[in-house]
N, C-alpha and C. Protein backbone atom coordinates (compact mmCIF):
# COMPACT_ATOMS: atom_id res chain seq x y z
N MET A 1 -40.73 -55.28 65.16
CA MET A 1 -42.03 -55.96 64.33
C MET A 1 -42.07 -57.41 64.50
N SER A 2 -43.24 -57.80 64.18
CA SER A 2 -42.94 -59.25 64.19
C SER A 2 -44.78 -59.34 63.42
N LEU A 3 -44.16 -60.73 62.28
CA LEU A 3 -45.09 -61.32 61.69
C LEU A 3 -45.89 -62.88 62.06
N THR A 4 -47.00 -62.62 61.73
CA THR A 4 -47.03 -64.59 61.61
C THR A 4 -47.65 -65.43 60.73
N ALA A 5 -47.33 -66.34 60.62
CA ALA A 5 -47.47 -67.09 59.17
C ALA A 5 -47.47 -68.52 59.63
N ARG A 6 -48.10 -69.41 58.77
CA ARG A 6 -47.82 -70.81 58.86
C ARG A 6 -46.63 -71.69 58.27
N ALA A 7 -46.50 -70.89 57.08
CA ALA A 7 -45.53 -71.29 56.36
C ALA A 7 -44.63 -70.32 55.71
N LEU A 8 -43.72 -70.47 54.94
CA LEU A 8 -42.45 -69.20 54.29
C LEU A 8 -42.18 -70.06 53.00
N LEU A 9 -42.36 -69.23 51.91
CA LEU A 9 -41.67 -69.52 50.67
C LEU A 9 -40.37 -68.56 50.08
N LEU A 10 -39.61 -69.14 49.84
CA LEU A 10 -38.50 -68.67 50.00
C LEU A 10 -37.73 -68.42 48.23
N ASP A 11 -37.23 -67.11 48.03
CA ASP A 11 -36.47 -66.91 46.18
C ASP A 11 -35.18 -67.61 46.87
N MET A 12 -34.39 -67.53 45.55
CA MET A 12 -33.11 -67.53 46.05
C MET A 12 -31.71 -66.94 45.63
N ASP A 13 -31.94 -66.44 44.60
CA ASP A 13 -30.92 -65.61 43.98
C ASP A 13 -31.75 -64.11 44.58
N GLY A 14 -30.41 -63.68 45.43
CA GLY A 14 -30.84 -62.02 45.60
C GLY A 14 -30.99 -62.40 47.38
N THR A 15 -31.71 -62.97 47.53
CA THR A 15 -32.51 -63.41 48.81
C THR A 15 -32.02 -64.63 49.81
N LEU A 16 -31.44 -65.60 49.50
CA LEU A 16 -31.26 -66.27 50.14
C LEU A 16 -29.33 -66.68 49.57
N VAL A 17 -29.19 -66.35 48.19
CA VAL A 17 -27.62 -66.76 47.50
C VAL A 17 -27.38 -65.40 46.89
N ASN A 18 -26.35 -64.62 47.34
CA ASN A 18 -25.94 -63.55 46.64
C ASN A 18 -25.32 -63.95 45.08
N SER A 19 -26.05 -63.99 44.22
CA SER A 19 -25.11 -64.57 42.65
C SER A 19 -25.27 -63.28 42.00
N ASP A 20 -25.19 -62.01 42.16
CA ASP A 20 -25.09 -60.83 41.43
C ASP A 20 -24.01 -61.06 40.65
N ALA A 21 -22.89 -61.46 40.93
CA ALA A 21 -21.95 -61.13 39.97
C ALA A 21 -21.71 -62.42 39.11
N VAL A 22 -22.00 -63.26 39.05
CA VAL A 22 -22.20 -64.31 38.16
C VAL A 22 -23.53 -64.22 36.91
N VAL A 23 -24.74 -63.74 37.51
CA VAL A 23 -25.58 -63.20 36.60
C VAL A 23 -25.26 -61.78 36.08
N GLU A 24 -24.35 -61.34 36.35
CA GLU A 24 -24.18 -59.90 35.68
C GLU A 24 -23.15 -60.61 34.06
N ARG A 25 -22.06 -61.09 34.69
CA ARG A 25 -20.94 -62.19 33.71
C ARG A 25 -21.99 -62.28 32.40
N CYS A 26 -22.83 -63.08 32.91
CA CYS A 26 -23.37 -64.42 32.00
C CYS A 26 -24.41 -63.09 30.87
N TRP A 27 -25.26 -62.24 31.99
CA TRP A 27 -25.90 -61.21 30.98
C TRP A 27 -25.37 -60.33 29.81
N ARG A 28 -23.82 -60.12 30.55
CA ARG A 28 -23.35 -58.95 29.69
C ARG A 28 -22.93 -59.38 28.28
N ARG A 29 -22.47 -60.92 28.75
CA ARG A 29 -21.65 -61.95 27.62
C ARG A 29 -23.30 -62.34 26.58
N TRP A 30 -24.37 -62.11 27.29
CA TRP A 30 -25.14 -62.54 25.90
C TRP A 30 -25.87 -61.28 25.64
N ALA A 31 -25.83 -59.99 26.66
CA ALA A 31 -26.07 -58.74 25.92
C ALA A 31 -25.28 -58.59 24.21
N ALA A 32 -23.90 -58.91 24.53
CA ALA A 32 -23.03 -58.79 23.93
C ALA A 32 -23.27 -59.19 22.51
N GLU A 33 -23.83 -60.50 22.51
CA GLU A 33 -24.10 -61.21 21.29
C GLU A 33 -24.95 -60.65 20.11
N GLN A 34 -25.88 -59.84 21.23
CA GLN A 34 -27.31 -59.46 20.39
C GLN A 34 -27.06 -58.26 20.18
N GLY A 35 -26.24 -57.42 20.50
CA GLY A 35 -25.89 -55.87 20.39
C GLY A 35 -26.61 -55.05 21.36
N LEU A 36 -27.09 -56.16 22.44
CA LEU A 36 -27.83 -54.88 23.36
C LEU A 36 -27.02 -53.93 24.25
N ASP A 37 -27.53 -52.89 24.50
CA ASP A 37 -26.74 -52.23 25.66
C ASP A 37 -26.59 -52.95 27.28
N ALA A 38 -25.57 -53.29 28.30
CA ALA A 38 -26.04 -54.47 28.96
C ALA A 38 -26.57 -53.95 29.86
N GLU A 39 -26.32 -52.79 30.41
CA GLU A 39 -26.94 -51.60 31.48
C GLU A 39 -28.30 -51.78 31.43
N SER A 40 -28.84 -51.89 29.85
CA SER A 40 -30.42 -51.40 30.00
C SER A 40 -30.82 -52.92 30.18
N VAL A 41 -29.83 -54.05 30.15
CA VAL A 41 -30.90 -55.55 30.17
C VAL A 41 -29.94 -55.70 31.78
N LEU A 42 -29.41 -55.43 31.91
CA LEU A 42 -29.24 -55.68 33.38
C LEU A 42 -30.41 -55.25 34.81
N GLN A 43 -31.08 -53.79 34.28
CA GLN A 43 -31.95 -53.54 35.03
C GLN A 43 -33.20 -54.39 34.89
N ILE A 44 -33.28 -55.53 34.21
CA ILE A 44 -34.63 -55.97 34.54
C ILE A 44 -33.89 -57.47 34.34
N VAL A 45 -33.32 -58.40 34.44
CA VAL A 45 -32.73 -59.78 34.52
C VAL A 45 -33.55 -60.41 35.62
N HIS A 46 -33.47 -59.55 37.05
CA HIS A 46 -33.22 -60.16 37.88
C HIS A 46 -35.26 -60.72 38.15
N GLY A 47 -35.29 -62.07 38.83
CA GLY A 47 -36.50 -62.14 39.55
C GLY A 47 -37.21 -63.77 38.49
N ARG A 48 -36.97 -63.11 36.79
CA ARG A 48 -37.64 -63.87 35.95
C ARG A 48 -36.72 -65.16 35.55
N GLN A 49 -37.36 -66.12 34.85
CA GLN A 49 -36.39 -66.97 34.12
C GLN A 49 -35.98 -66.32 32.66
N GLY A 50 -35.15 -67.21 32.29
CA GLY A 50 -33.87 -66.11 31.14
C GLY A 50 -35.00 -65.68 30.08
N HIS A 51 -35.93 -66.72 29.60
CA HIS A 51 -36.44 -66.73 28.33
C HIS A 51 -36.97 -65.54 28.54
N ALA A 52 -38.06 -65.53 29.52
CA ALA A 52 -38.95 -64.61 29.69
C ALA A 52 -38.32 -63.10 29.58
N THR A 53 -36.90 -62.81 30.01
CA THR A 53 -36.11 -61.73 30.24
C THR A 53 -35.82 -61.38 28.68
N MET A 54 -35.60 -62.43 27.81
CA MET A 54 -35.34 -62.38 26.49
C MET A 54 -36.57 -61.98 25.60
N ALA A 55 -37.75 -62.27 26.08
CA ALA A 55 -38.92 -61.67 25.59
C ALA A 55 -39.41 -60.46 25.08
N VAL A 56 -39.21 -60.03 26.57
CA VAL A 56 -39.14 -58.36 27.43
C VAL A 56 -38.18 -57.73 26.28
N LEU A 57 -37.26 -58.05 25.98
CA LEU A 57 -35.80 -57.00 25.54
C LEU A 57 -36.05 -57.66 23.92
N LEU A 58 -36.34 -58.38 23.20
CA LEU A 58 -36.62 -58.43 22.12
C LEU A 58 -37.96 -59.38 21.54
N PRO A 59 -39.14 -57.97 21.51
CA PRO A 59 -40.24 -59.00 21.73
C PRO A 59 -40.64 -59.36 20.48
N ASP A 60 -39.97 -59.50 19.37
CA ASP A 60 -39.93 -60.10 17.99
C ASP A 60 -39.26 -61.47 17.45
N ARG A 61 -38.56 -61.78 18.54
CA ARG A 61 -37.59 -62.92 18.16
C ARG A 61 -38.54 -64.58 18.45
N PRO A 62 -38.11 -65.18 17.90
CA PRO A 62 -39.01 -66.45 18.13
C PRO A 62 -38.78 -66.65 19.13
N VAL A 63 -39.90 -67.49 20.11
CA VAL A 63 -39.61 -67.90 20.92
C VAL A 63 -38.39 -69.59 21.46
N GLU A 64 -38.63 -69.95 20.38
CA GLU A 64 -37.70 -71.00 20.26
C GLU A 64 -36.08 -70.60 20.05
N GLN A 65 -35.61 -69.59 19.68
CA GLN A 65 -34.50 -69.03 19.78
C GLN A 65 -34.10 -68.72 21.39
N ASN A 66 -35.30 -67.77 22.04
CA ASN A 66 -34.97 -67.75 23.25
C ASN A 66 -34.67 -68.95 23.95
N LEU A 67 -35.79 -69.79 23.79
CA LEU A 67 -35.35 -71.11 24.84
C LEU A 67 -34.05 -71.90 24.59
N ALA A 68 -33.76 -71.73 23.48
CA ALA A 68 -32.32 -72.54 22.99
C ALA A 68 -31.59 -71.75 23.99
N ASP A 69 -31.29 -70.06 23.47
CA ASP A 69 -30.50 -69.43 24.46
C ASP A 69 -30.67 -69.06 26.03
N ASN A 70 -31.84 -69.73 26.60
CA ASN A 70 -32.47 -69.96 28.08
C ASN A 70 -31.27 -70.82 28.10
N GLN A 71 -31.09 -72.04 27.54
CA GLN A 71 -30.52 -73.40 27.96
C GLN A 71 -29.33 -72.97 28.35
N ARG A 72 -28.94 -72.31 26.71
CA ARG A 72 -27.34 -72.15 27.07
C ARG A 72 -27.01 -70.86 28.64
N MET A 73 -27.47 -70.08 28.74
CA MET A 73 -27.60 -69.33 29.56
C MET A 73 -27.31 -70.25 31.37
N LEU A 74 -28.28 -71.26 31.65
CA LEU A 74 -28.41 -72.18 32.36
C LEU A 74 -27.24 -72.94 32.36
N GLU A 75 -26.36 -73.46 31.37
CA GLU A 75 -25.19 -74.00 31.52
C GLU A 75 -24.79 -73.09 31.59
N TRP A 76 -24.29 -71.93 31.26
CA TRP A 76 -23.21 -70.69 31.76
C TRP A 76 -22.90 -70.71 33.20
N GLU A 77 -24.44 -70.85 33.50
CA GLU A 77 -24.58 -69.88 35.02
C GLU A 77 -24.19 -71.25 36.18
N THR A 78 -24.50 -72.18 35.77
CA THR A 78 -24.94 -73.58 36.26
C THR A 78 -23.23 -73.65 36.52
N THR A 79 -21.93 -73.46 35.87
CA THR A 79 -20.56 -74.00 35.65
C THR A 79 -20.09 -72.79 36.47
N ASP A 80 -20.65 -71.33 36.61
CA ASP A 80 -19.76 -70.54 36.75
C ASP A 80 -20.35 -70.11 38.21
N LEU A 81 -19.60 -70.67 39.56
CA LEU A 81 -20.02 -70.41 40.43
C LEU A 81 -19.01 -69.33 41.49
N ASP A 82 -17.84 -68.54 40.42
CA ASP A 82 -17.36 -67.78 41.24
C ASP A 82 -18.08 -66.45 41.80
N GLY A 83 -17.70 -66.67 43.26
CA GLY A 83 -18.44 -65.23 43.85
C GLY A 83 -19.54 -65.53 44.26
N VAL A 84 -20.68 -66.88 44.51
CA VAL A 84 -22.00 -67.02 44.44
C VAL A 84 -21.49 -67.29 46.47
N VAL A 85 -21.82 -66.31 46.77
CA VAL A 85 -21.66 -66.52 48.60
C VAL A 85 -23.27 -66.52 48.77
N PRO A 86 -23.65 -67.12 50.15
CA PRO A 86 -24.74 -66.50 51.34
C PRO A 86 -25.17 -64.94 51.51
N VAL A 87 -26.52 -64.79 51.09
CA VAL A 87 -26.63 -63.68 51.71
C VAL A 87 -26.63 -63.18 52.98
N PRO A 88 -25.78 -62.10 54.02
CA PRO A 88 -25.57 -62.42 55.33
C PRO A 88 -27.01 -62.83 56.00
N GLY A 89 -26.69 -63.59 57.42
CA GLY A 89 -27.84 -64.39 57.65
C GLY A 89 -28.40 -65.61 57.16
N ALA A 90 -28.04 -65.96 55.95
CA ALA A 90 -28.63 -66.86 55.23
C ALA A 90 -28.72 -68.28 55.84
N PRO A 91 -27.36 -68.57 56.50
CA PRO A 91 -27.05 -69.75 56.70
C PRO A 91 -27.86 -70.06 57.84
N ALA A 92 -27.85 -69.26 59.26
CA ALA A 92 -28.23 -69.48 60.46
C ALA A 92 -30.03 -69.23 59.99
N PHE A 93 -30.56 -68.53 59.50
CA PHE A 93 -31.89 -68.27 58.86
C PHE A 93 -32.44 -69.41 58.48
N MET A 94 -31.78 -70.59 57.29
CA MET A 94 -32.17 -71.96 57.13
C MET A 94 -31.80 -72.70 58.23
N ALA A 95 -31.10 -72.31 58.83
CA ALA A 95 -30.92 -73.68 59.61
C ALA A 95 -32.11 -73.56 60.81
N SER A 96 -32.46 -72.25 61.25
CA SER A 96 -33.71 -72.15 62.24
C SER A 96 -35.00 -72.59 61.70
N LEU A 97 -35.11 -72.61 60.25
CA LEU A 97 -36.36 -73.61 59.59
C LEU A 97 -36.13 -75.02 59.30
N ALA A 98 -35.31 -75.62 60.25
CA ALA A 98 -35.05 -77.17 59.53
C ALA A 98 -36.41 -78.10 60.56
N GLY A 99 -36.96 -78.25 60.14
CA GLY A 99 -38.31 -79.18 60.51
C GLY A 99 -39.89 -78.38 60.31
N LEU A 100 -39.39 -77.32 59.81
CA LEU A 100 -40.61 -76.11 60.10
C LEU A 100 -41.51 -76.17 58.51
N PRO A 101 -42.48 -75.98 58.44
CA PRO A 101 -42.69 -75.63 56.94
C PRO A 101 -42.04 -74.53 55.61
N HIS A 102 -41.21 -74.82 54.96
CA HIS A 102 -41.11 -73.54 53.62
C HIS A 102 -40.77 -74.20 52.62
N ALA A 103 -40.60 -73.65 51.79
CA ALA A 103 -40.00 -74.21 50.52
C ALA A 103 -39.47 -73.05 49.51
N LEU A 104 -38.33 -73.76 48.77
CA LEU A 104 -37.91 -72.74 47.78
C LEU A 104 -38.35 -72.52 46.56
N VAL A 105 -39.12 -71.38 46.12
CA VAL A 105 -39.95 -70.76 45.00
C VAL A 105 -38.48 -69.90 43.64
N THR A 106 -38.15 -70.51 42.85
CA THR A 106 -37.28 -70.30 42.32
C THR A 106 -37.41 -69.85 40.70
N SER A 107 -36.98 -69.40 39.82
CA SER A 107 -36.55 -69.04 38.57
C SER A 107 -35.79 -69.76 38.10
N ALA A 108 -35.01 -70.37 38.89
CA ALA A 108 -33.72 -71.08 38.27
C ALA A 108 -34.37 -72.68 37.96
N ASP A 109 -33.42 -73.57 37.41
CA ASP A 109 -33.97 -74.61 37.09
C ASP A 109 -33.22 -75.28 37.80
N LYS A 110 -33.47 -76.93 38.45
CA LYS A 110 -33.18 -77.82 39.23
C LYS A 110 -31.69 -77.97 39.53
N GLY A 111 -30.66 -78.04 38.30
CA GLY A 111 -29.61 -77.95 38.46
C GLY A 111 -28.71 -76.54 39.20
N LEU A 112 -29.42 -75.48 38.05
CA LEU A 112 -28.84 -74.22 38.93
C LEU A 112 -28.97 -74.16 40.36
N ALA A 113 -30.45 -74.27 40.98
CA ALA A 113 -30.73 -74.16 42.14
C ALA A 113 -29.69 -74.95 43.05
N GLY A 114 -29.72 -76.19 42.76
CA GLY A 114 -28.91 -77.05 43.42
C GLY A 114 -27.13 -76.68 43.51
N ALA A 115 -26.84 -75.93 42.35
CA ALA A 115 -25.52 -75.60 42.26
C ALA A 115 -24.98 -74.39 43.10
N ARG A 116 -26.09 -73.33 42.76
CA ARG A 116 -26.23 -72.00 43.56
C ARG A 116 -26.00 -72.39 45.43
N MET A 117 -27.09 -73.17 45.56
CA MET A 117 -27.38 -73.25 47.21
C MET A 117 -25.84 -73.99 47.70
N GLY A 118 -25.61 -75.14 47.09
CA GLY A 118 -24.78 -75.45 47.53
C GLY A 118 -23.34 -74.60 47.72
N ALA A 119 -23.38 -73.79 46.24
CA ALA A 119 -22.01 -73.37 46.54
C ALA A 119 -21.62 -72.32 47.71
N ALA A 120 -23.27 -71.82 47.92
CA ALA A 120 -23.24 -70.77 49.05
C ALA A 120 -23.61 -71.75 50.11
N GLY A 121 -23.45 -73.24 50.46
CA GLY A 121 -23.16 -73.83 51.64
C GLY A 121 -24.32 -73.86 52.53
N LEU A 122 -26.03 -73.50 51.44
CA LEU A 122 -27.11 -73.61 52.27
C LEU A 122 -27.81 -74.73 52.19
N THR A 123 -28.60 -75.14 53.16
CA THR A 123 -29.28 -76.27 53.11
C THR A 123 -30.76 -76.35 52.39
N MET A 124 -30.78 -77.40 51.22
CA MET A 124 -32.10 -77.03 50.21
C MET A 124 -33.01 -77.52 51.02
N PRO A 125 -34.06 -76.85 50.47
CA PRO A 125 -35.27 -77.27 51.28
C PRO A 125 -36.04 -78.10 50.63
N GLU A 126 -36.58 -79.46 51.40
CA GLU A 126 -37.40 -80.56 50.74
C GLU A 126 -38.44 -80.31 49.66
N VAL A 127 -38.97 -79.24 49.89
CA VAL A 127 -40.14 -78.74 48.72
C VAL A 127 -39.18 -77.49 47.91
N ARG A 128 -39.19 -78.06 47.16
CA ARG A 128 -38.94 -76.98 46.14
C ARG A 128 -39.56 -76.65 44.45
N VAL A 129 -39.84 -75.49 44.48
CA VAL A 129 -40.76 -75.29 42.89
C VAL A 129 -39.47 -74.26 42.04
N THR A 130 -39.00 -75.46 40.95
CA THR A 130 -38.04 -74.66 40.07
C THR A 130 -38.86 -74.17 38.90
N ALA A 131 -37.81 -73.90 37.89
CA ALA A 131 -38.21 -73.53 36.68
C ALA A 131 -39.08 -74.73 35.99
N GLU A 132 -38.55 -75.74 36.20
CA GLU A 132 -39.27 -76.62 35.49
C GLU A 132 -40.66 -77.34 35.70
N CYS A 133 -40.90 -76.70 37.00
CA CYS A 133 -42.36 -77.25 37.92
C CYS A 133 -43.61 -76.06 37.73
N VAL A 134 -43.08 -75.03 36.46
CA VAL A 134 -44.39 -73.87 36.07
C VAL A 134 -44.37 -73.78 34.83
N GLY A 135 -45.64 -73.25 34.07
CA GLY A 135 -45.74 -72.73 33.00
C GLY A 135 -45.38 -71.57 32.75
N ALA A 136 -45.54 -70.79 33.84
CA ALA A 136 -45.00 -68.88 33.67
C ALA A 136 -44.36 -68.73 34.55
N SER A 137 -43.39 -67.72 34.05
CA SER A 137 -42.24 -67.25 34.96
C SER A 137 -42.80 -66.00 36.23
N LYS A 138 -42.51 -66.10 36.68
CA LYS A 138 -42.44 -64.96 37.88
C LYS A 138 -42.86 -63.68 37.06
N PRO A 139 -43.53 -62.19 36.87
CA PRO A 139 -44.45 -61.83 37.86
C PRO A 139 -45.87 -63.26 37.92
N ASP A 140 -45.79 -64.32 37.32
CA ASP A 140 -46.70 -65.04 37.55
C ASP A 140 -47.10 -65.61 38.87
N PRO A 141 -48.03 -66.07 39.62
CA PRO A 141 -48.30 -65.92 40.78
C PRO A 141 -47.82 -67.54 40.78
N GLU A 142 -47.62 -68.35 39.65
CA GLU A 142 -47.98 -69.82 39.76
C GLU A 142 -47.10 -70.58 40.92
N GLY A 143 -45.88 -70.48 40.57
CA GLY A 143 -44.47 -70.91 41.45
C GLY A 143 -45.08 -70.97 43.31
N PHE A 144 -45.37 -69.79 43.26
CA PHE A 144 -45.91 -69.38 44.80
C PHE A 144 -47.34 -70.75 45.41
N LEU A 145 -48.20 -70.18 44.22
CA LEU A 145 -49.70 -71.13 44.75
C LEU A 145 -49.11 -72.52 44.89
N LYS A 146 -48.29 -72.97 43.54
CA LYS A 146 -47.79 -74.39 43.78
C LYS A 146 -47.00 -74.59 45.48
N GLY A 147 -46.45 -73.97 45.37
CA GLY A 147 -45.45 -74.02 46.86
C GLY A 147 -45.91 -74.11 48.12
N ALA A 148 -46.83 -73.08 48.21
CA ALA A 148 -48.17 -73.47 49.44
C ALA A 148 -49.36 -74.82 49.15
N ALA A 149 -49.39 -74.87 47.83
CA ALA A 149 -50.33 -75.91 47.74
C ALA A 149 -49.41 -77.54 48.03
N GLU A 150 -48.34 -77.26 47.92
CA GLU A 150 -47.15 -78.77 48.45
C GLU A 150 -46.89 -78.56 49.81
N LEU A 151 -47.41 -77.42 50.29
CA LEU A 151 -47.00 -77.24 52.00
C LEU A 151 -48.37 -77.99 52.90
N GLY A 152 -49.45 -77.72 51.78
CA GLY A 152 -50.90 -77.75 52.34
C GLY A 152 -51.46 -76.74 53.22
N PHE A 153 -50.32 -75.26 52.68
CA PHE A 153 -51.45 -74.13 53.26
C PHE A 153 -51.76 -73.13 52.32
N ALA A 154 -53.00 -72.17 52.82
CA ALA A 154 -53.51 -71.50 51.80
C ALA A 154 -52.62 -70.27 51.48
N PRO A 155 -52.85 -69.79 50.32
CA PRO A 155 -51.48 -68.38 50.06
C PRO A 155 -51.56 -67.19 51.04
N ALA A 156 -52.84 -67.07 51.93
CA ALA A 156 -53.16 -66.17 53.41
C ALA A 156 -52.31 -66.44 54.42
N ASP A 157 -52.00 -67.42 54.29
CA ASP A 157 -51.16 -68.22 55.51
C ASP A 157 -49.57 -68.18 55.17
N CYS A 158 -49.42 -67.77 54.15
CA CYS A 158 -47.79 -68.04 53.80
C CYS A 158 -47.40 -66.44 53.78
N ILE A 159 -46.01 -66.51 53.86
CA ILE A 159 -45.26 -65.26 53.68
C ILE A 159 -43.90 -65.50 52.73
N VAL A 160 -43.88 -64.36 52.06
CA VAL A 160 -43.00 -64.77 50.61
C VAL A 160 -41.59 -63.93 51.33
N PHE A 161 -40.46 -64.65 50.91
CA PHE A 161 -39.50 -64.12 51.04
C PHE A 161 -38.77 -63.62 49.38
N GLU A 162 -38.86 -62.22 49.17
CA GLU A 162 -37.90 -62.09 47.96
C GLU A 162 -37.31 -60.69 47.88
N ASP A 163 -37.06 -60.57 46.39
CA ASP A 163 -35.09 -59.54 46.28
C ASP A 163 -36.38 -58.39 44.86
N SER A 164 -36.87 -58.80 44.38
CA SER A 164 -37.12 -58.50 42.94
C SER A 164 -38.25 -57.77 42.81
N GLU A 165 -38.82 -57.03 41.39
CA GLU A 165 -39.97 -56.35 41.62
C GLU A 165 -40.87 -57.61 40.86
N VAL A 166 -40.02 -58.12 39.67
CA VAL A 166 -41.37 -59.38 39.42
C VAL A 166 -41.30 -60.44 40.53
N GLY A 167 -40.90 -60.48 41.09
CA GLY A 167 -41.03 -61.73 42.56
C GLY A 167 -41.71 -60.97 43.53
N ILE A 168 -41.85 -59.72 43.80
CA ILE A 168 -42.69 -59.36 44.97
C ILE A 168 -43.80 -58.99 44.28
N ALA A 169 -43.71 -58.55 42.71
CA ALA A 169 -45.54 -58.86 42.30
C ALA A 169 -46.12 -60.41 42.16
N ALA A 170 -45.31 -61.49 42.02
CA ALA A 170 -45.56 -62.55 41.98
C ALA A 170 -46.39 -62.90 43.53
N GLY A 171 -45.38 -62.62 44.31
CA GLY A 171 -45.99 -62.98 46.00
C GLY A 171 -47.59 -62.49 45.72
N ARG A 172 -47.39 -61.07 45.72
CA ARG A 172 -48.64 -60.18 45.96
C ARG A 172 -49.72 -60.75 45.10
N ALA A 173 -49.73 -61.49 43.87
CA ALA A 173 -50.41 -61.51 43.16
C ALA A 173 -51.23 -62.82 43.30
N ALA A 174 -50.53 -63.78 44.22
CA ALA A 174 -50.80 -65.14 44.99
C ALA A 174 -51.60 -64.68 46.30
N GLY A 175 -51.57 -63.82 46.53
CA GLY A 175 -52.46 -63.21 47.59
C GLY A 175 -51.89 -63.91 49.47
N MET A 176 -50.35 -63.59 48.95
CA MET A 176 -49.66 -63.80 50.33
C MET A 176 -48.85 -62.08 50.27
N ARG A 177 -48.15 -62.45 52.34
CA ARG A 177 -47.64 -61.15 52.26
C ARG A 177 -45.73 -61.50 51.64
N VAL A 178 -45.83 -60.06 51.76
CA VAL A 178 -43.92 -60.30 51.26
C VAL A 178 -43.00 -59.53 52.05
N VAL A 179 -42.05 -60.21 52.35
CA VAL A 179 -41.15 -59.49 52.71
C VAL A 179 -39.60 -59.29 51.76
N GLY A 180 -39.35 -58.27 52.02
CA GLY A 180 -38.29 -57.89 50.54
C GLY A 180 -37.17 -57.95 50.94
N VAL A 181 -36.22 -58.29 50.24
CA VAL A 181 -34.79 -58.79 51.21
C VAL A 181 -33.88 -57.94 49.90
N GLY A 182 -33.19 -57.26 51.05
CA GLY A 182 -32.03 -56.60 50.16
C GLY A 182 -32.14 -55.10 49.18
N PRO A 183 -31.47 -54.45 48.72
CA PRO A 183 -31.51 -52.86 48.20
C PRO A 183 -32.47 -53.10 46.99
N ARG A 184 -32.28 -53.85 45.87
CA ARG A 184 -33.26 -54.09 45.03
C ARG A 184 -35.21 -54.13 45.63
N ALA A 185 -35.24 -55.09 46.72
CA ALA A 185 -36.84 -55.15 47.18
C ALA A 185 -37.51 -53.81 47.95
N ALA A 186 -36.61 -52.71 48.29
CA ALA A 186 -36.88 -51.52 48.92
C ALA A 186 -37.72 -50.09 47.59
N ALA A 187 -37.42 -50.45 46.13
CA ALA A 187 -38.02 -49.79 45.58
C ALA A 187 -39.61 -50.27 45.67
N HIS A 188 -39.75 -51.45 45.42
CA HIS A 188 -41.55 -51.74 45.41
C HIS A 188 -42.36 -52.40 46.30
N ALA A 189 -41.97 -51.54 47.54
CA ALA A 189 -43.06 -51.60 48.45
C ALA A 189 -43.47 -53.11 49.01
N PRO A 190 -42.47 -53.86 49.70
CA PRO A 190 -43.25 -54.97 49.84
C PRO A 190 -43.49 -54.90 51.53
N ASP A 191 -44.38 -55.79 51.78
CA ASP A 191 -45.06 -55.25 53.38
C ASP A 191 -43.79 -55.33 54.06
N VAL A 192 -42.69 -55.78 53.98
CA VAL A 192 -41.77 -55.54 55.45
C VAL A 192 -40.35 -55.62 54.36
N HIS A 193 -39.68 -54.81 54.55
CA HIS A 193 -38.24 -54.56 54.21
C HIS A 193 -37.22 -55.17 54.78
N VAL A 194 -36.28 -55.63 54.40
CA VAL A 194 -34.80 -55.96 55.36
C VAL A 194 -33.60 -55.85 54.93
N ARG A 195 -32.30 -55.34 55.20
CA ARG A 195 -31.64 -54.94 54.49
C ARG A 195 -30.79 -56.49 53.90
N ASP A 196 -31.00 -57.33 55.15
CA ASP A 196 -30.71 -58.68 55.31
C ASP A 196 -31.33 -59.90 56.01
N LEU A 197 -30.78 -60.91 55.91
CA LEU A 197 -31.57 -61.88 56.92
C LEU A 197 -31.33 -62.02 58.19
N GLU A 198 -29.96 -61.37 58.37
CA GLU A 198 -29.91 -60.93 59.91
C GLU A 198 -30.63 -60.84 60.70
N GLN A 199 -31.53 -59.73 59.97
CA GLN A 199 -32.33 -59.08 60.39
C GLN A 199 -33.92 -59.72 60.95
N VAL A 200 -33.80 -60.96 60.53
CA VAL A 200 -34.91 -62.19 61.06
C VAL A 200 -34.55 -63.01 61.64
N ARG A 201 -35.42 -63.40 62.51
CA ARG A 201 -35.46 -64.30 63.38
C ARG A 201 -36.94 -65.17 63.93
N ILE A 202 -36.93 -66.34 63.53
CA ILE A 202 -38.05 -67.36 63.46
C ILE A 202 -38.18 -68.40 64.58
N GLU A 203 -39.38 -68.26 65.40
CA GLU A 203 -39.90 -68.47 66.62
C GLU A 203 -40.89 -69.48 66.23
N PRO A 204 -40.68 -70.86 66.00
CA PRO A 204 -41.71 -71.96 66.17
C PRO A 204 -42.97 -71.99 67.67
N LEU A 205 -44.12 -71.54 67.54
CA LEU A 205 -44.96 -71.23 68.14
C LEU A 205 -45.72 -72.93 68.69
N PRO A 206 -46.17 -72.77 69.95
CA PRO A 206 -46.83 -74.28 69.69
C PRO A 206 -47.80 -74.78 69.38
N ASP A 207 -48.62 -73.82 68.96
CA ASP A 207 -49.53 -74.53 67.96
C ASP A 207 -49.23 -74.56 66.49
N GLY A 208 -48.01 -74.41 66.22
CA GLY A 208 -47.63 -74.58 64.70
C GLY A 208 -47.26 -73.59 63.97
N THR A 209 -48.05 -72.09 64.48
CA THR A 209 -47.73 -71.23 63.94
C THR A 209 -46.00 -70.74 63.66
N LEU A 210 -45.44 -69.75 63.06
CA LEU A 210 -43.75 -69.35 63.06
C LEU A 210 -44.62 -67.65 63.36
N ARG A 211 -43.59 -67.27 64.02
CA ARG A 211 -43.63 -65.82 64.43
C ARG A 211 -41.88 -65.12 63.75
N LEU A 212 -42.12 -64.45 62.96
CA LEU A 212 -41.18 -63.82 62.31
C LEU A 212 -40.53 -62.31 63.17
N HIS A 213 -39.46 -62.30 63.67
CA HIS A 213 -39.04 -61.08 64.51
C HIS A 213 -38.22 -60.63 63.66
N ILE A 214 -39.01 -59.19 63.33
CA ILE A 214 -37.83 -58.54 62.77
C ILE A 214 -36.90 -57.13 62.96
N SER A 215 -36.14 -57.18 63.13
CA SER A 215 -35.28 -56.22 63.86
C SER A 215 -35.06 -54.90 62.71
N GLY A 216 -35.14 -53.96 63.78
CA GLY A 216 -34.46 -52.75 62.70
C GLY A 216 -33.31 -52.51 62.04
């Protein structure tokens, strides 16, 4: 099948970069500190900024504490790159986007995004919307809307690549079509689902449109 778009908006963790091993290590450590069940915590951490996850798990906790723990978590994650690898097909996919309209839209901050993209050997897009750029974490659509605006395209002309429930919800809320990547995405009814990025090929058309070829 194929889809057409003017621009692509790409999540990082779980979509371009497999960082699950680090995410699990860091959140297990935090859960143990709080006396929380790690398995329950790991069910909801993907896609959100850390402080937003903490607010869901500990709703009565002061925001300042969550923000402080979020900063500690970012420090842990930025220095722990063991097991960070590209999602299959991501290197070729990113190489094929060179010079075409695309942006990174991630709940990671600038330092973590740079560390993980570097560890995975992936080219960092020129346009990137990181945690510092938004007032609200996914599932709020702010990040994707900012990415589209910065690239100069209407939301309806953009396709989002996401792996998480909150990311897919954010793309939908932004009025964009969503390609779900990987096993987590399958449960959340994206417009199209792919196992990984080996199933996606980008063809730039003469009028500037991007045609996405999705193989089965």
